């Protein structure tokens, strides 16, 4: 199965540590929602998340993956929120282009 399908919900579940489909943590920042979605990779948790703005049909999303890995899902989720805030501060709505 491809990496992208496993990450964003197309793969079979890997157990309770598999946070690919649902967010582990959610935060608001400057009108955006950041969802931390770390996933297990090589015995650690890879930093990944979704930045979203709007609701319903007007909702826009930007998925991001970082090379950073952490030993716990909590550490990876905290870092994903930090990186999400940084992306928003640097790019704003351009992130959806």
N, C-alpha and C. Protein backbone atom coordinates (compact mmCIF):
# COMPACT_ATOMS: atom_id res chain seq x y z
N UNK A 1 0.86 -1.17 0.00
CA UNK A 1 0.00 0.00 0.00
C UNK A 1 0.90 1.23 0.00
N UNK A 2 0.47 2.25 -0.69
CA UNK A 2 1.31 3.44 -0.80
C UNK A 2 1.36 4.21 0.52
N UNK A 3 2.43 4.94 0.68
CA UNK A 3 2.64 5.78 1.85
C UNK A 3 1.49 6.76 2.05
N UNK A 4 1.05 7.42 0.98
CA UNK A 4 0.00 8.44 1.06
C UNK A 4 -1.34 7.84 1.47
N UNK A 5 -1.66 6.66 0.95
CA UNK A 5 -2.92 6.02 1.33
C UNK A 5 -2.92 5.66 2.81
N UNK A 6 -1.80 5.14 3.31
CA UNK A 6 -1.72 4.81 4.73
C UNK A 6 -1.83 6.06 5.58
N UNK A 7 -1.18 7.13 5.15
CA UNK A 7 -1.16 8.36 5.95
C UNK A 7 -2.53 9.01 6.05
N UNK A 8 -3.25 9.11 4.94
CA UNK A 8 -4.49 9.87 4.94
C UNK A 8 -5.74 9.02 4.80
N UNK A 9 -5.67 7.80 5.32
CA UNK A 9 -6.90 7.07 5.53
C UNK A 9 -7.22 5.98 4.54
N UNK A 10 -6.38 5.67 3.58
CA UNK A 10 -6.70 4.64 2.61
C UNK A 10 -6.21 3.27 3.00
N UNK A 11 -5.43 3.18 4.08
CA UNK A 11 -4.85 1.90 4.45
C UNK A 11 -5.62 1.23 5.56
N UNK A 12 -5.24 0.01 5.82
CA UNK A 12 -5.86 -0.69 6.93
C UNK A 12 -5.28 -0.15 8.23
N UNK A 13 -6.09 -0.12 9.25
CA UNK A 13 -5.66 0.44 10.52
C UNK A 13 -4.53 -0.34 11.14
N UNK A 14 -3.66 0.35 11.85
CA UNK A 14 -2.52 -0.30 12.45
C UNK A 14 -2.63 -0.40 13.95
N UNK A 15 -3.81 -0.18 14.51
CA UNK A 15 -3.96 -0.29 15.95
C UNK A 15 -4.16 1.07 16.58
N UNK A 16 -4.08 1.09 17.90
CA UNK A 16 -4.38 2.31 18.63
C UNK A 16 -3.34 3.40 18.41
N UNK A 17 -2.13 3.05 18.02
CA UNK A 17 -1.11 4.06 17.78
C UNK A 17 -1.21 4.66 16.38
N UNK A 18 -2.07 4.13 15.54
CA UNK A 18 -2.21 4.61 14.16
C UNK A 18 -3.11 5.83 14.15
N UNK A 19 -2.51 7.03 14.11
CA UNK A 19 -3.27 8.28 14.16
C UNK A 19 -3.40 8.89 12.78
N UNK A 20 -3.36 8.09 11.73
CA UNK A 20 -3.36 8.61 10.37
C UNK A 20 -4.68 9.22 9.99
N UNK A 21 -5.79 8.72 10.49
CA UNK A 21 -7.09 9.18 10.05
C UNK A 21 -7.62 10.31 10.93
N UNK A 22 -7.49 10.17 12.22
CA UNK A 22 -8.05 11.19 13.11
C UNK A 22 -6.94 11.98 13.81
N UNK A 23 -7.23 13.25 14.08
CA UNK A 23 -6.21 14.08 14.73
C UNK A 23 -5.96 13.66 16.18
N UNK A 24 -4.72 13.83 16.60
CA UNK A 24 -4.33 13.54 17.98
C UNK A 24 -4.58 14.78 18.84
N UNK A 25 -4.28 15.95 18.29
CA UNK A 25 -4.52 17.23 18.96
C UNK A 25 -5.04 18.21 17.93
N UNK A 26 -5.84 19.18 18.40
CA UNK A 26 -6.36 20.23 17.52
C UNK A 26 -6.14 21.56 18.21
N UNK A 27 -5.72 22.56 17.42
CA UNK A 27 -5.50 23.91 17.95
C UNK A 27 -6.00 24.93 16.94
N UNK A 28 -6.39 26.09 17.44
CA UNK A 28 -6.78 27.22 16.60
C UNK A 28 -5.64 28.23 16.59
N UNK A 29 -5.42 28.85 15.43
CA UNK A 29 -4.37 29.87 15.33
C UNK A 29 -4.74 30.84 14.21
N UNK A 30 -5.00 32.10 14.56
CA UNK A 30 -5.29 33.16 13.61
C UNK A 30 -6.42 32.81 12.63
N UNK A 31 -7.45 32.14 13.12
CA UNK A 31 -8.59 31.79 12.28
C UNK A 31 -8.44 30.48 11.52
N UNK A 32 -7.36 29.77 11.73
CA UNK A 32 -7.11 28.47 11.09
C UNK A 32 -7.23 27.38 12.16
N UNK A 33 -7.52 26.19 11.72
CA UNK A 33 -7.51 25.02 12.60
C UNK A 33 -6.31 24.16 12.21
N UNK A 34 -5.55 23.76 13.20
CA UNK A 34 -4.40 22.88 12.97
C UNK A 34 -4.72 21.55 13.63
N UNK A 35 -4.65 20.48 12.85
CA UNK A 35 -4.86 19.13 13.37
C UNK A 35 -3.53 18.39 13.33
N UNK A 36 -3.04 17.98 14.47
CA UNK A 36 -1.82 17.18 14.54
C UNK A 36 -2.19 15.73 14.24
N UNK A 37 -1.54 15.14 13.23
CA UNK A 37 -1.83 13.77 12.83
C UNK A 37 -0.54 12.95 12.67
N UNK A 38 0.23 12.81 13.73
CA UNK A 38 1.45 12.00 13.62
C UNK A 38 1.09 10.55 13.34
N UNK A 39 2.03 9.85 12.73
CA UNK A 39 1.81 8.44 12.43
C UNK A 39 3.08 7.65 12.74
N UNK A 40 2.90 6.38 13.01
CA UNK A 40 4.03 5.52 13.37
C UNK A 40 4.86 5.22 12.12
N UNK A 41 6.18 5.39 12.27
CA UNK A 41 7.12 5.13 11.18
C UNK A 41 8.43 4.66 11.79
N UNK A 42 8.84 3.47 11.47
CA UNK A 42 10.12 2.91 11.94
C UNK A 42 10.28 3.00 13.46
N UNK A 43 9.23 2.67 14.20
CA UNK A 43 9.30 2.64 15.65
C UNK A 43 9.19 3.98 16.33
N UNK A 44 9.01 5.05 15.56
CA UNK A 44 8.83 6.38 16.13
C UNK A 44 7.58 7.01 15.51
N UNK A 45 7.32 8.27 15.84
CA UNK A 45 6.16 8.96 15.29
C UNK A 45 6.60 10.11 14.40
N UNK A 46 6.18 10.05 13.16
CA UNK A 46 6.50 11.07 12.14
C UNK A 46 5.54 12.25 12.33
N UNK A 47 6.07 13.46 12.22
CA UNK A 47 5.27 14.67 12.36
C UNK A 47 4.46 14.89 11.08
N UNK A 48 3.16 15.05 11.24
CA UNK A 48 2.26 15.32 10.12
C UNK A 48 1.04 16.05 10.66
N UNK A 49 0.35 16.75 9.77
CA UNK A 49 -0.84 17.46 10.20
C UNK A 49 -1.62 18.05 9.06
N UNK A 50 -2.70 18.71 9.42
CA UNK A 50 -3.58 19.37 8.46
C UNK A 50 -3.86 20.77 8.97
N UNK A 51 -3.75 21.75 8.05
CA UNK A 51 -4.15 23.12 8.34
C UNK A 51 -5.44 23.35 7.57
N UNK A 52 -6.47 23.84 8.24
CA UNK A 52 -7.77 24.03 7.60
C UNK A 52 -8.32 25.41 7.92
N UNK A 53 -9.16 25.89 7.00
CA UNK A 53 -9.85 27.16 7.20
C UNK A 53 -11.21 27.06 6.54
N UNK A 54 -12.23 27.58 7.21
CA UNK A 54 -13.58 27.55 6.67
C UNK A 54 -14.32 26.31 7.11
N UNK A 55 -15.59 26.23 6.66
CA UNK A 55 -16.44 25.10 7.03
C UNK A 55 -17.23 24.63 5.83
N UNK A 56 -17.68 23.40 5.90
CA UNK A 56 -18.52 22.84 4.84
C UNK A 56 -17.86 22.88 3.48
N UNK A 57 -18.61 23.31 2.48
CA UNK A 57 -18.11 23.37 1.10
C UNK A 57 -16.96 24.37 0.93
N UNK A 58 -16.91 25.37 1.80
CA UNK A 58 -15.87 26.40 1.71
C UNK A 58 -14.58 26.01 2.44
N UNK A 59 -14.57 24.86 3.06
CA UNK A 59 -13.40 24.43 3.83
C UNK A 59 -12.22 24.14 2.89
N UNK A 60 -11.07 24.70 3.24
CA UNK A 60 -9.83 24.45 2.51
C UNK A 60 -8.88 23.73 3.45
N UNK A 61 -8.10 22.80 2.91
CA UNK A 61 -7.15 22.05 3.72
C UNK A 61 -5.78 22.00 3.06
N UNK A 62 -4.77 22.00 3.90
CA UNK A 62 -3.39 21.80 3.45
C UNK A 62 -2.78 20.74 4.36
N UNK A 63 -2.35 19.62 3.79
CA UNK A 63 -1.72 18.55 4.55
C UNK A 63 -0.21 18.75 4.52
N UNK A 64 0.44 18.54 5.65
CA UNK A 64 1.89 18.65 5.69
C UNK A 64 2.51 17.47 6.43
N UNK A 65 3.72 17.14 6.01
CA UNK A 65 4.52 16.07 6.62
C UNK A 65 5.92 16.63 6.81
N UNK A 66 6.48 16.41 7.97
CA UNK A 66 7.84 16.84 8.27
C UNK A 66 8.72 15.60 8.41
N UNK A 67 10.00 15.77 8.21
CA UNK A 67 10.94 14.66 8.36
C UNK A 67 11.19 14.32 9.83
N UNK A 68 10.80 15.20 10.72
CA UNK A 68 11.05 15.02 12.15
C UNK A 68 10.29 13.82 12.71
N UNK A 69 10.97 13.08 13.58
CA UNK A 69 10.36 11.93 14.25
C UNK A 69 10.63 12.04 15.75
N UNK A 70 9.66 11.56 16.53
CA UNK A 70 9.76 11.61 17.98
C UNK A 70 9.40 10.25 18.57
N UNK A 71 9.89 9.96 19.79
CA UNK A 71 9.60 8.66 20.40
C UNK A 71 8.16 8.50 20.87
N UNK A 72 7.47 9.60 21.15
CA UNK A 72 6.08 9.50 21.62
C UNK A 72 5.15 10.27 20.68
N UNK A 73 3.90 9.82 20.63
CA UNK A 73 2.90 10.47 19.80
C UNK A 73 2.61 11.89 20.31
N UNK A 74 2.69 12.08 21.63
CA UNK A 74 2.43 13.40 22.21
C UNK A 74 3.48 14.42 21.77
N UNK A 75 4.75 14.01 21.79
CA UNK A 75 5.82 14.91 21.35
C UNK A 75 5.67 15.26 19.87
N UNK A 76 5.34 14.27 19.06
CA UNK A 76 5.17 14.51 17.63
C UNK A 76 3.97 15.42 17.38
N UNK A 77 2.89 15.24 18.14
CA UNK A 77 1.71 16.09 17.98
C UNK A 77 2.01 17.52 18.40
N UNK A 78 2.71 17.71 19.51
CA UNK A 78 3.08 19.06 19.95
C UNK A 78 3.92 19.77 18.88
N UNK A 79 4.86 19.04 18.29
CA UNK A 79 5.71 19.63 17.26
C UNK A 79 4.91 19.93 15.99
N UNK A 80 3.95 19.07 15.66
CA UNK A 80 3.10 19.32 14.49
C UNK A 80 2.31 20.61 14.66
N UNK A 81 1.80 20.86 15.86
CA UNK A 81 1.08 22.11 16.11
C UNK A 81 2.01 23.31 15.99
N UNK A 82 3.21 23.19 16.50
CA UNK A 82 4.21 24.25 16.38
C UNK A 82 4.51 24.55 14.91
N UNK A 83 4.74 23.50 14.12
CA UNK A 83 5.04 23.68 12.70
C UNK A 83 3.83 24.24 11.96
N UNK A 84 2.64 23.81 12.33
CA UNK A 84 1.43 24.36 11.71
C UNK A 84 1.32 25.85 11.94
N UNK A 85 1.57 26.29 13.16
CA UNK A 85 1.55 27.74 13.47
C UNK A 85 2.59 28.49 12.64
N UNK A 86 3.76 27.89 12.53
CA UNK A 86 4.84 28.51 11.75
C UNK A 86 4.45 28.64 10.28
N UNK A 87 3.85 27.61 9.71
CA UNK A 87 3.41 27.65 8.31
C UNK A 87 2.37 28.75 8.12
N UNK A 88 1.42 28.84 9.03
CA UNK A 88 0.38 29.88 8.95
C UNK A 88 1.00 31.26 9.03
N UNK A 89 1.92 31.47 9.99
CA UNK A 89 2.57 32.77 10.15
C UNK A 89 3.37 33.16 8.91
N UNK A 90 3.99 32.20 8.25
CA UNK A 90 4.82 32.49 7.09
C UNK A 90 4.03 32.62 5.79
N UNK A 91 2.97 31.81 5.63
CA UNK A 91 2.30 31.74 4.34
C UNK A 91 0.86 32.22 4.35
N UNK A 92 0.19 32.19 5.47
CA UNK A 92 -1.21 32.59 5.52
C UNK A 92 -2.05 31.78 4.51
N UNK A 93 -2.96 32.46 3.81
CA UNK A 93 -3.85 31.78 2.85
C UNK A 93 -3.11 31.23 1.63
N UNK A 94 -1.89 31.66 1.40
CA UNK A 94 -1.12 31.11 0.26
C UNK A 94 -0.86 29.62 0.41
N UNK A 95 -0.97 29.11 1.63
CA UNK A 95 -0.74 27.69 1.87
C UNK A 95 -1.73 26.83 1.07
N UNK A 96 -2.87 27.38 0.71
CA UNK A 96 -3.90 26.63 -0.02
C UNK A 96 -3.75 26.71 -1.53
N UNK A 97 -2.79 27.47 -2.02
CA UNK A 97 -2.60 27.60 -3.48
C UNK A 97 -1.93 26.39 -4.08
